[in-house]
Amino acid sequence: MIDRIVHQNQELALIIRHDYRKEGIEFFTPATYSQQIGYMSRPAGHVIPPHVHNPVPREVQFTKEVLVIRSGRLRVDFYSDAQEYLESTILDAGDIILLALGGRGFEMIKPTEIIEVKQGPYAGAADKTRFPGIDASQAPAKVLFDILA
């Protein structure tokens, strides 16, 4: 299953749920994203020819992050660029999320391991603006129910 978190026609996040399956190859991100994410399912014996990537100048304005949830469970809260709370969702072990735009916050529901992939180098304090977020009691009822599930 693929979930897209959209606010005012802008995709904030793309979630590839742990149970997603499809034959072949599919990329979920538009060519305009500085971080691309795709899925491949190939049979035994399929060959991807050896290759190198050529140097191509690229300009990156915003950091896009990919999180791979290795274990555990967490709540992701999504915010507009104006730092207004929009919605929340639960991620489980095996889920993958591409965080494209807007703000986000996280609360671990269970002990959680995450692999993070993003553009570098990290710019330190200039890379992000922190702001107060919601707490678990302010999450919508459906999300609170999912936390308990």
Protein backbone atom coordinates (compact mmCIF):
# COMPACT_ATOMS: atom_id res chain seq x y z
CA MET A 1 0.00 0.00 0.00
CA ILE A 2 1.19 3.52 -0.83
CA ASP A 3 0.00 6.50 1.24
CA ARG A 4 0.56 10.10 0.24
CA ILE A 5 0.23 12.96 2.75
CA VAL A 6 -0.86 16.04 0.78
CA HIS A 7 -1.58 19.60 1.94
CA GLN A 8 -2.69 22.35 -0.45
CA ASN A 9 -1.70 20.25 -3.48
CA GLN A 10 1.84 19.73 -2.14
CA GLU A 11 3.02 16.26 -1.22
CA LEU A 12 4.49 16.36 2.28
CA ALA A 13 5.28 12.65 2.51
CA LEU A 14 5.11 9.37 0.66
CA ILE A 15 4.75 6.17 2.69
CA ILE A 16 5.51 2.73 1.32
CA ARG A 17 3.86 0.34 3.77
CA HIS A 18 5.64 -2.87 4.73
CA ASP A 19 3.05 -5.00 2.92
CA TYR A 20 3.45 -3.29 -0.50
CA ARG A 21 4.18 -5.79 -3.28
CA LYS A 22 4.28 -5.41 -7.07
CA GLU A 23 6.10 -7.15 -9.92
CA GLY A 24 8.66 -5.11 -11.84
CA ILE A 25 9.90 -1.65 -11.00
CA GLU A 26 8.03 1.48 -9.98
CA PHE A 27 9.28 4.91 -8.98
CA PHE A 28 6.87 6.89 -6.81
CA THR A 29 8.49 10.33 -6.94
CA PRO A 30 8.30 12.91 -9.70
CA ALA A 31 11.47 13.81 -11.60
CA THR A 32 11.48 17.20 -9.81
CA TYR A 33 12.32 15.63 -6.43
CA SER A 34 15.95 15.83 -5.37
CA GLN A 35 15.49 12.47 -3.64
CA GLN A 36 14.01 9.63 -5.70
CA ILE A 37 12.38 6.52 -4.26
CA GLY A 38 11.36 3.40 -6.10
CA TYR A 39 10.54 -0.25 -5.58
CA MET A 40 11.86 -3.28 -7.45
CA SER A 41 10.68 -6.87 -7.43
CA ARG A 42 12.73 -9.05 -9.76
CA PRO A 43 12.79 -12.82 -10.25
CA ALA A 44 15.86 -14.98 -9.61
CA GLY A 45 18.23 -14.68 -12.53
CA HIS A 46 17.23 -11.12 -13.44
CA VAL A 47 20.35 -9.09 -14.21
CA ILE A 48 20.90 -5.37 -13.74
CA PRO A 49 23.96 -4.59 -15.86
CA PRO A 50 26.96 -3.08 -14.06
CA HIS A 51 27.01 0.69 -14.30
CA VAL A 52 28.35 3.91 -12.83
CA HIS A 53 26.51 7.20 -12.49
CA ASN A 54 27.90 10.17 -14.38
CA PRO A 55 28.56 13.52 -12.70
CA VAL A 56 25.48 15.68 -13.24
CA PRO A 57 25.23 19.08 -11.52
CA ARG A 58 22.16 19.30 -9.29
CA GLU A 59 20.86 22.06 -7.07
CA VAL A 60 19.10 21.06 -3.84
CA GLN A 61 16.99 23.64 -1.99
CA PHE A 62 15.23 21.52 0.65
CA THR A 63 16.36 18.41 2.46
CA LYS A 64 14.26 15.39 1.65
CA GLU A 65 14.64 12.47 4.05
CA VAL A 66 13.91 8.79 3.63
CA LEU A 67 13.33 6.84 6.85
CA VAL A 68 13.34 3.05 6.90
CA ILE A 69 11.65 1.73 10.04
CA ARG A 70 13.70 -1.36 10.94
CA SER A 71 11.82 -2.19 14.12
CA GLY A 72 9.28 -0.71 16.48
CA ARG A 73 6.41 1.70 16.00
CA LEU A 74 6.17 5.49 15.93
CA ARG A 75 3.77 8.36 15.33
CA VAL A 76 4.62 10.94 12.70
CA ASP A 77 2.99 14.36 13.01
CA PHE A 78 2.82 16.52 9.88
CA TYR A 79 2.90 20.33 9.91
CA SER A 80 2.58 23.03 7.27
CA ASP A 81 5.51 25.31 6.45
CA ALA A 82 3.76 27.79 8.77
CA GLN A 83 4.20 25.21 11.60
CA GLU A 84 0.46 24.44 11.83
CA TYR A 85 -0.42 20.86 12.81
CA LEU A 86 -2.13 18.99 9.94
CA GLU A 87 -2.39 15.27 10.69
CA SER A 88 -0.62 12.22 12.10
CA THR A 89 0.00 8.64 11.03
CA ILE A 90 1.55 5.52 12.52
CA LEU A 91 4.60 3.81 11.02
CA ASP A 92 5.46 0.19 11.76
CA ALA A 93 8.53 -1.97 11.23
CA GLY A 94 9.18 -2.35 7.52
CA ASP A 95 7.48 0.90 6.52
CA ILE A 96 9.46 3.46 4.50
CA ILE A 97 8.65 7.17 4.39
CA LEU A 98 9.98 9.89 2.11
CA LEU A 99 9.59 13.26 3.84
CA ALA A 100 9.38 15.82 1.04
CA LEU A 101 8.02 19.14 2.32
CA GLY A 102 6.51 20.79 5.37
CA GLY A 103 7.33 20.10 9.00
CA ARG A 104 7.35 16.87 10.90
CA GLY A 105 7.73 15.52 14.40
CA PHE A 106 8.03 11.99 15.75
CA GLU A 107 7.15 10.12 18.93
CA MET A 108 8.31 6.56 19.47
CA ILE A 109 5.46 4.32 20.63
CA LYS A 110 7.72 1.27 21.03
CA PRO A 111 11.51 1.06 21.03
CA THR A 112 12.30 1.89 17.41
CA GLU A 113 15.25 1.54 15.03
CA ILE A 114 15.33 3.88 12.03
CA ILE A 115 17.71 4.18 9.10
CA GLU A 116 17.75 7.74 7.72
CA VAL A 117 18.93 8.68 4.22
CA LYS A 118 19.13 12.33 3.14
CA GLN A 119 21.20 14.79 1.15
CA GLY A 120 24.35 16.04 2.75
CA PRO A 121 26.34 17.53 4.08
CA TYR A 122 24.32 18.43 7.17
CA ALA A 123 24.33 22.22 7.59
CA GLY A 124 24.00 22.20 11.40
CA ALA A 125 21.74 24.85 12.96
CA ALA A 126 21.09 26.43 9.54
CA ASP A 127 19.54 23.17 8.30
CA LYS A 128 16.31 23.23 10.34
CA THR A 129 13.99 25.34 12.48
CA ARG A 130 12.60 23.63 15.59
CA PHE A 131 9.14 24.52 16.94
CA PRO A 132 6.68 23.20 19.55
CA GLY A 133 4.52 20.32 18.37
CA ILE A 134 1.53 18.36 19.58
CA ASP A 135 1.70 15.62 22.18
CA ALA A 136 0.07 12.19 21.98
CA SER A 137 -3.15 13.35 23.64
CA GLN A 138 -3.73 15.87 20.83
CA ALA A 139 -3.51 13.30 18.03
CA PRO A 140 -6.80 12.45 16.30
CA ALA A 141 -8.87 9.60 17.76
CA LYS A 142 -8.10 7.29 14.82
CA VAL A 143 -4.36 7.68 15.40
CA LEU A 144 -4.78 7.11 19.14
CA PHE A 145 -6.73 3.92 18.32
CA ASP A 146 -3.96 2.82 15.91
CA ILE A 147 -1.36 3.38 18.65
CA LEU A 148 -3.18 0.90 20.87
CA ALA A 149 -3.66 -1.66 18.07
